[in-house]
Protein backbone atom coordinates (compact mmCIF):
# COMPACT_ATOMS: atom_id res chain seq x y z
CA MET A 1 80.29 93.22 72.61
CA VAL A 2 79.98 89.51 73.41
CA GLN A 3 77.86 87.78 70.77
CA PRO A 4 74.80 85.75 71.84
CA GLY A 5 75.78 82.15 72.63
CA SER A 6 79.48 82.94 73.04
CA THR A 7 81.34 82.23 76.29
CA LYS A 8 82.25 85.20 78.40
CA LYS A 9 85.83 85.47 79.60
CA LYS A 10 86.13 84.96 83.34
CA VAL A 11 88.15 87.53 85.24
CA VAL A 12 88.87 87.50 88.98
CA ILE A 13 89.54 90.94 90.48
CA PHE A 14 91.72 90.75 93.59
CA VAL A 15 91.52 93.79 95.91
CA PRO A 16 93.00 93.67 99.44
CA GLU A 17 90.12 95.70 100.93
CA PHE A 18 86.85 96.45 99.17
CA PRO A 19 85.08 98.79 98.93
CA VAL A 20 87.19 101.53 100.46
CA LEU A 21 85.52 104.84 101.25
CA THR A 22 88.33 106.84 99.62
CA GLU A 23 88.78 104.53 96.61
CA THR A 24 85.38 104.92 94.96
CA PHE A 25 87.04 104.90 91.52
CA ILE A 26 87.70 101.15 91.86
CA GLU A 27 84.13 100.34 92.88
CA ARG A 28 82.52 102.46 90.16
CA GLU A 29 84.78 101.03 87.43
CA LEU A 30 84.03 97.44 88.44
CA ALA A 31 80.32 98.24 88.69
CA LYS A 32 80.33 99.62 85.15
CA ILE A 33 82.11 96.53 83.79
CA ALA A 34 79.63 94.26 85.58
CA GLU A 35 76.75 96.36 84.29
CA ARG A 36 78.00 96.08 80.70
CA GLY A 37 77.80 92.30 81.03
CA ASN A 38 80.52 91.34 78.56
CA LEU A 39 82.77 89.65 81.14
CA ASP A 40 82.12 87.06 83.82
CA VAL A 41 83.44 89.08 86.79
CA SER A 42 84.10 87.94 90.33
CA ILE A 43 85.76 89.98 93.06
CA LEU A 44 87.87 88.48 95.84
CA SER A 45 88.83 90.67 98.79
CA LEU A 46 90.60 89.90 102.05
CA ARG A 47 88.45 92.24 104.11
CA LYS A 48 85.33 94.34 103.79
CA GLY A 49 85.84 98.10 103.67
CA SER A 50 83.57 100.90 104.83
CA GLY A 51 82.57 102.12 101.37
CA GLU A 52 79.29 101.63 99.57
CA VAL A 53 78.70 98.82 97.06
CA SER A 54 76.57 99.08 93.94
CA PRO A 55 73.76 96.48 93.83
CA VAL A 56 75.22 95.01 90.63
CA LEU A 57 78.43 94.09 92.49
CA GLU A 58 76.99 92.66 95.71
CA PRO A 59 76.50 89.09 94.39
CA LEU A 60 79.95 89.10 92.77
CA ILE A 61 82.04 89.71 95.89
CA ARG A 62 83.66 87.08 98.11
CA TYR A 63 85.50 88.02 101.29
CA LYS A 64 87.97 85.30 102.06
CA ARG A 65 91.33 84.87 103.69
CA LEU A 66 93.58 81.87 103.33
CA SER A 67 92.43 79.00 105.56
CA VAL A 68 94.14 75.81 106.70
CA PRO A 69 92.00 73.62 104.38
CA ASN A 70 92.90 75.85 101.40
CA ALA A 71 96.59 75.60 102.30
CA ILE A 72 96.43 71.82 102.59
CA LEU A 73 94.53 71.39 99.33
CA SER A 74 97.01 73.67 97.55
CA PHE A 75 99.76 71.06 97.93
CA ARG A 76 98.18 69.26 95.00
CA PHE A 77 99.87 71.83 92.77
CA PHE A 78 103.25 70.24 93.56
CA PHE A 79 102.03 67.20 91.62
CA ILE A 80 99.98 68.80 88.84
CA ALA A 81 101.82 72.09 88.24
CA GLY A 82 105.45 71.44 89.14
CA LYS A 83 106.86 73.50 86.27
CA ASN A 84 104.61 76.44 87.17
CA ILE A 85 105.77 76.30 90.78
CA SER A 86 109.40 76.35 89.67
CA ARG A 87 108.65 79.36 87.49
CA ALA A 88 106.93 81.14 90.39
CA LEU A 89 109.96 80.50 92.62
CA GLY A 90 112.24 81.90 89.93
CA ILE A 91 110.16 85.08 89.69
CA LEU A 92 110.22 85.53 93.47
CA SER A 93 113.96 84.94 93.50
CA SER A 94 114.40 87.72 90.94
CA CYS A 95 112.72 90.05 93.46
CA GLY A 96 115.65 89.54 95.80
CA MET A 97 113.55 87.92 98.52
CA PRO A 98 115.35 85.98 101.26
CA ALA A 99 114.73 82.24 100.94
CA VAL A 100 112.35 82.03 103.91
CA HIS A 101 110.18 84.89 102.61
CA ARG A 102 110.33 83.46 99.10
CA TYR A 103 108.95 80.07 100.12
CA TYR A 104 106.39 81.64 102.47
CA THR A 105 105.09 83.81 99.58
CA LEU A 106 105.02 80.78 97.31
CA LEU A 107 102.91 78.82 99.79
CA LYS A 108 100.50 81.73 100.23
CA GLY A 109 100.26 82.10 96.46
CA MET A 110 99.51 78.40 96.12
CA GLY A 111 96.79 78.73 98.76
CA TYR A 112 95.16 81.58 96.86
CA ALA A 113 95.54 79.62 93.63
CA GLN A 114 93.37 77.00 95.30
CA ILE A 115 90.78 79.69 96.12
CA PHE A 116 90.93 81.29 92.66
CA SER A 117 90.66 77.92 90.91
CA SER A 118 86.99 77.57 91.84
CA SER A 119 86.24 80.51 89.53
CA LYS A 120 88.18 78.98 86.63
CA PRO A 121 89.59 82.41 85.67
CA ASP A 122 90.89 83.31 82.24
CA LEU A 123 92.74 86.25 83.81
CA ILE A 124 93.47 87.56 87.31
CA LEU A 125 93.59 91.34 87.78
CA ALA A 126 95.09 92.56 91.06
CA HIS A 127 94.85 96.12 92.34
CA PHE A 128 97.89 97.93 93.81
CA MET A 129 101.60 97.26 93.33
CA SER A 130 101.72 95.81 96.84
CA GLU A 131 102.54 92.45 98.41
CA SER A 132 98.96 91.31 97.88
CA SER A 133 99.37 91.57 94.10
CA THR A 134 102.64 89.60 94.40
CA ILE A 135 100.62 86.78 95.95
CA ALA A 136 98.04 87.12 93.15
CA MET A 137 100.88 86.93 90.62
CA VAL A 138 102.15 83.69 92.18
CA ALA A 139 98.62 82.26 92.18
CA ALA A 140 98.18 83.09 88.49
CA VAL A 141 101.54 81.55 87.57
CA VAL A 142 100.69 78.38 89.51
CA LEU A 143 97.34 78.16 87.74
CA GLY A 144 98.93 78.92 84.38
CA VAL A 145 96.64 81.87 83.63
CA PRO A 146 97.63 85.44 82.69
CA TYR A 147 97.53 88.16 85.29
CA ALA A 148 97.61 91.94 85.28
CA VAL A 149 98.08 94.72 87.82
CA SER A 150 96.18 97.99 88.17
CA ALA A 151 98.40 100.35 90.17
CA HIS A 152 97.74 103.86 91.36
CA ALA A 153 100.03 106.21 93.32
CA LYS A 154 101.90 105.53 96.57
CA ASP A 155 101.91 101.81 95.83
CA VAL A 156 104.10 102.62 92.80
CA THR A 157 106.19 105.61 93.88
CA VAL A 158 106.90 104.89 97.56
CA ARG A 159 106.54 101.23 98.48
CA PRO A 160 106.17 99.01 95.41
CA HIS A 161 106.58 95.29 95.93
CA CYS A 162 108.41 93.20 93.31
CA MET A 163 107.44 95.81 90.69
CA LYS A 164 110.05 94.93 88.08
CA ALA A 165 109.24 91.21 88.24
CA LYS A 166 105.51 91.88 88.00
CA ILE A 167 105.95 94.06 84.93
CA GLU A 168 108.15 91.49 83.22
CA ASN A 169 105.71 88.63 83.79
CA ALA A 170 102.33 90.37 83.58
CA ALA A 171 100.05 90.50 80.56
CA PHE A 172 99.77 94.23 81.19
CA VAL A 173 100.12 96.83 83.94
CA LEU A 174 97.68 99.73 84.19
CA ILE A 175 98.69 103.06 85.75
CA CYS A 176 96.15 105.85 86.19
CA ASN A 177 98.42 108.94 86.14
CA LYS A 178 101.66 110.07 84.51
CA HIS A 179 103.49 110.63 87.80
CA ALA A 180 103.20 106.93 88.77
CA TYR A 181 103.42 105.79 85.14
CA GLU A 182 106.82 107.38 84.63
CA SER A 183 108.07 105.89 87.89
CA CYS A 184 106.90 102.48 86.78
CA VAL A 185 108.48 102.78 83.34
CA ARG A 186 111.84 103.73 84.88
CA SER A 187 111.86 100.49 86.87
CA THR A 188 112.16 98.20 83.85
CA ASP A 189 113.71 97.93 80.39
CA ARG A 190 112.31 99.39 77.19
CA ASP A 191 110.71 96.19 75.87
CA HIS A 192 108.85 95.38 79.07
CA ALA A 193 107.84 99.03 79.48
CA LEU A 194 105.54 98.51 76.48
CA LYS A 195 103.28 96.48 78.79
CA ILE A 196 102.76 99.50 81.03
CA LEU A 197 99.68 101.41 79.95
CA LEU A 198 98.57 104.85 81.07
CA ARG A 199 94.82 104.50 81.47
CA TYR A 200 92.58 106.81 83.46
CA HIS A 201 89.75 105.68 85.71
CA GLY A 202 86.40 106.88 84.48
CA LEU A 203 83.53 108.79 86.01
CA ASP A 204 79.79 108.67 85.41
CA ILE A 205 79.33 112.34 84.58
CA SER A 206 75.55 112.10 84.75
CA GLY A 207 75.74 111.26 88.44
CA PHE A 208 76.89 114.76 89.37
CA PRO A 209 74.26 117.52 89.17
CA ARG A 210 75.42 120.94 88.14
CA ALA A 211 76.33 123.21 91.03
CA GLY A 212 73.70 125.97 90.95
CA SER A 213 74.04 129.68 91.58
CA LYS A 214 73.89 130.55 95.26
CA SER A 215 73.40 133.61 97.36
CA GLY A 216 74.82 134.59 100.70
CA VAL A 217 78.13 133.39 102.10
CA PRO A 218 80.16 131.47 99.47
CA VAL A 219 81.00 127.86 100.29
CA ILE A 220 84.53 126.54 99.73
CA LEU A 221 84.62 122.75 99.57
CA ASN A 222 87.47 120.31 100.21
CA ILE A 223 86.97 116.54 100.10
CA GLY A 224 89.78 114.14 100.86
CA ARG A 225 91.44 111.97 103.44
CA LEU A 226 92.67 113.90 106.47
CA GLU A 227 96.31 112.95 105.96
CA GLU A 228 99.56 114.83 105.36
CA LYS A 229 99.62 114.59 101.56
CA LYS A 230 96.13 116.11 101.27
CA GLY A 231 97.47 119.40 102.67
CA GLN A 232 94.49 120.55 104.78
CA LYS A 233 96.92 122.21 107.22
CA TYR A 234 97.85 124.72 104.52
CA LEU A 235 94.21 125.16 103.57
CA LEU A 236 93.32 126.18 107.12
CA GLU A 237 96.19 128.67 107.14
CA ALA A 238 94.91 130.05 103.84
CA ALA A 239 91.42 130.33 105.37
CA LYS A 240 92.85 132.46 108.18
CA ILE A 241 94.33 134.83 105.61
CA LEU A 242 90.93 135.16 103.93
CA ARG A 243 89.19 135.75 107.27
CA ASP A 244 91.77 138.33 108.35
CA GLU A 245 91.19 140.21 105.08
CA GLY A 246 87.48 140.42 105.86
CA ILE A 247 86.34 137.93 103.21
CA LYS A 248 83.17 136.09 104.12
CA PHE A 249 83.10 132.36 103.42
CA LYS A 250 82.26 128.93 104.78
CA LEU A 251 84.90 126.20 104.41
CA ILE A 252 83.61 122.63 104.51
CA ILE A 253 86.13 119.80 104.75
CA VAL A 254 84.85 116.24 104.32
CA GLY A 255 86.84 113.06 104.81
CA PRO A 256 88.18 110.33 107.05
CA GLY A 257 91.69 110.30 108.42
CA SER A 258 94.12 110.27 111.31
CA LEU A 259 94.52 114.08 111.38
CA TYR A 260 90.89 114.79 112.25
CA GLY A 261 91.72 115.76 115.83
CA LYS A 262 94.77 117.86 114.95
CA LEU A 263 92.94 119.72 112.21
CA ASN A 264 90.08 120.54 114.56
CA GLU A 265 92.60 121.81 117.11
CA LEU A 266 94.27 123.95 114.44
CA THR A 267 90.87 125.31 113.40
CA GLY A 268 90.30 126.51 116.97
CA ALA A 269 93.82 127.84 117.37
CA LEU A 270 93.46 129.93 114.21
CA GLY A 271 90.13 131.31 115.39
CA LEU A 272 88.24 129.73 112.50
CA SER A 273 85.50 127.89 114.40
CA ASP A 274 82.78 130.04 112.80
CA GLU A 275 84.15 129.67 109.26
CA VAL A 276 85.28 126.02 109.13
CA GLU A 277 83.40 122.76 109.53
CA ILE A 278 85.18 119.39 109.32
CA LEU A 279 82.65 116.64 108.67
CA GLY A 280 82.87 112.90 109.16
CA GLY A 281 84.16 112.61 112.72
CA GLY A 282 87.44 111.15 111.48
CA THR A 283 85.74 108.19 109.80
CA GLY A 284 84.30 110.09 106.84
CA LEU A 285 80.86 110.06 105.27
CA PRO A 286 79.32 107.60 102.78
CA PHE A 287 79.91 108.70 99.21
CA SER A 288 76.17 109.21 98.70
CA GLU A 289 76.32 111.85 101.45
CA THR A 290 79.66 113.37 100.46
CA GLN A 291 78.56 113.80 96.85
CA LYS A 292 75.75 116.18 97.84
CA TYR A 293 78.22 118.85 98.92
CA TYR A 294 79.48 119.45 95.37
CA SER A 295 76.16 120.96 94.25
CA ARG A 296 75.94 123.06 97.42
CA SER A 297 79.34 124.74 96.99
CA ASP A 298 80.81 127.67 95.06
CA VAL A 299 84.42 126.57 94.65
CA PHE A 300 86.39 123.37 95.16
CA VAL A 301 89.88 123.51 96.64
CA PHE A 302 92.56 120.83 96.52
CA PRO A 303 95.60 121.73 98.70
CA GLY A 304 97.57 118.49 98.17
CA ILE A 305 101.34 118.21 98.62
CA ASN A 306 104.18 115.87 97.66
CA THR A 307 105.48 114.42 100.92
CA ASP A 308 109.16 114.06 101.78
CA GLU A 309 108.96 110.28 101.27
CA GLY A 310 107.66 110.82 97.72
CA ASP A 311 103.98 110.16 98.30
CA ALA A 312 101.66 112.23 96.12
CA ASP A 313 98.25 111.93 94.54
CA GLY A 314 97.83 110.96 90.96
CA ILE A 315 94.87 112.70 89.38
CA ALA A 316 92.79 112.99 92.52
CA ASN A 317 89.33 111.55 92.00
CA VAL A 318 87.77 114.55 93.76
CA LEU A 319 89.09 116.85 91.04
CA LEU A 320 87.17 114.87 88.44
CA GLU A 321 84.05 114.92 90.59
CA ALA A 322 84.29 118.67 91.15
CA ALA A 323 84.75 119.23 87.42
CA ALA A 324 81.76 117.00 86.66
CA SER A 325 79.74 119.25 89.00
CA HIS A 326 80.76 122.40 87.07
CA LEU A 327 82.64 123.74 90.09
CA PRO A 328 85.60 126.09 89.59
CA ILE A 329 88.74 124.52 91.09
CA VAL A 330 91.73 125.92 92.93
CA ALA A 331 94.46 123.28 93.30
CA THR A 332 98.14 122.99 94.09
CA ASP A 333 100.75 121.74 91.65
CA SER A 334 101.22 118.45 93.55
CA GLY A 335 101.20 114.97 92.06
CA SER A 336 99.50 114.76 88.68
CA THR A 337 97.13 117.69 89.17
CA LYS A 338 98.53 119.53 86.13
CA GLU A 339 97.91 116.43 84.03
CA PHE A 340 94.21 117.21 84.38
CA LEU A 341 94.05 120.96 85.04
CA GLU A 342 95.79 123.78 83.18
CA ASN A 343 96.38 127.03 85.03
CA ASP A 344 93.96 129.80 84.03
CA VAL A 345 92.39 127.48 81.45
CA SER A 346 90.55 124.85 83.48
CA GLY A 347 91.52 125.80 87.02
CA VAL A 348 93.72 127.98 89.18
CA ILE A 349 96.98 126.17 89.98
CA VAL A 350 99.14 127.45 92.85
CA PRO A 351 102.40 126.29 94.48
CA GLN A 352 101.97 123.62 97.13
CA LYS A 353 102.65 124.27 100.84
CA ASN A 354 101.97 127.97 100.25
CA PRO A 355 98.91 129.25 102.19
CA ALA A 356 99.25 132.78 100.78
CA ALA A 357 99.15 131.51 97.19
CA LEU A 358 96.21 129.26 98.03
CA ALA A 359 94.35 132.21 99.55
CA ASP A 360 95.08 134.37 96.49
CA GLY A 361 93.77 131.64 94.18
CA LEU A 362 90.56 131.38 96.17
CA LYS A 363 90.13 135.16 96.14
CA ARG A 364 90.43 135.20 92.35
CA ILE A 365 87.58 132.71 92.03
CA LEU A 366 85.39 134.30 94.69
CA ASN A 367 85.82 137.80 93.25
CA ASP A 368 85.50 137.03 89.53
CA LYS A 369 82.38 135.09 88.54
CA GLU A 370 83.21 135.28 84.83
CA LEU A 371 86.59 133.65 85.46
CA ALA A 372 85.01 131.04 87.76
CA ASP A 373 82.40 130.10 85.14
CA ARG A 374 84.95 129.91 82.33
CA LEU A 375 87.32 127.66 84.27
CA ALA A 376 84.46 125.43 85.43
CA GLU A 377 83.18 124.93 81.89
CA GLU A 378 86.60 123.99 80.55
CA ALA A 379 87.22 121.53 83.41
CA TYR A 380 83.82 119.98 82.69
CA ARG A 381 84.69 119.64 79.00
CA LYS A 382 87.95 117.91 79.94
CA VAL A 383 86.39 115.41 82.34
CA SER A 384 83.49 114.60 80.03
CA SER A 385 85.73 114.03 76.99
CA GLU A 386 88.63 112.11 78.56
CA PHE A 387 87.24 110.48 81.72
CA ASP A 388 83.87 109.11 80.66
CA ILE A 389 83.41 105.81 82.51
CA GLU A 390 81.59 104.09 79.64
CA ASN A 391 84.54 104.59 77.30
CA ASN A 392 87.19 103.78 79.90
CA ALA A 393 85.41 100.62 81.08
CA ALA A 394 85.08 99.46 77.47
CA GLU A 395 88.83 99.93 76.95
CA LEU A 396 89.64 97.85 80.03
CA GLU A 397 87.11 95.22 79.03
CA ASN A 398 88.60 94.88 75.54
CA LEU A 399 92.10 94.65 76.99
CA ILE A 400 91.08 91.82 79.34
CA ILE A 401 89.35 89.92 76.54
CA LYS A 402 92.37 90.29 74.25
CA GLU A 403 94.91 89.14 76.86
CA SER A 404 92.83 86.19 78.07
CA LEU A 405 92.39 84.58 74.64
């Protein structure tokens, strides 16, 4: 804890879009750090997302893109930070950028250094291993302050930007699942790999009421973006198997995404209009609305897949939320699911892209209440012991303070 009278370390969090409806883990982690009050936090984002913002964060957020005045003022760094600019150019060169792109990125980084400088940061933390965090890296180097990256899934495994250079020059790199962590470690040498830290995002367990016992038709819940890697196509095919076997159920799917129309068409084509409801109209629902469905359901299903291009979820946030709600979980073996759930211990794990296996897993839960309760309790124990947001926010806070000394 920061002692009375001491100066709090100033950290700027750079997020390309904030808050994003499907990235609530970022918003809740930053809200917890702000609530703890041990850091002077400011958030800079290029554009406003459609997610909800905690009241504690509202006064800390600036939405700003690079402007002509910022770009002009940034030329002062050529005179006051010449060595830092040379270092930034060297880092960008090590990324293999063509000269034109290299100098363009440098100028953008200088412009954002001008914007960041008003906060007088002790450390800059950028989210995602994307081009935006490359610009944040350049800005930090120009300002002569340490920077760090918090990376997640696809941004590491499919389309990382200057990942090796960022690792080598960062104070630390945070990865929230083993699948992406191992990919990140493979991209650099052993010494620099020590900077890469596997650190889970936390969850406020108390915010998820226990799913109560229900009567009538059981409710199967799926929450997630309506995109290929979330696997809802296979879930609908599994639902048809259940329906054809005479099993009564209601499947609720909640989320935004480009496949909303196609999934609705598939629902009709499979004759599942009475059993399936896809909520959100393609744009999703606010988290405060989505969250209510956990306590109204009997089982949570996660049908995710690893796509051909290598995209896969880490530990999907919805799995943690379902576990916090004491819901039994049926999930595929995609991404880092098995890092959180163990088959027949804390969930039912089935092969991905396999509707029959998914249907069998759901039948096991629906037909065996003792099994469902046992798996739900173990998943709850796991999430409460390893993913508590208070502990995880404190770890990140301490890391920032240490690296910004």
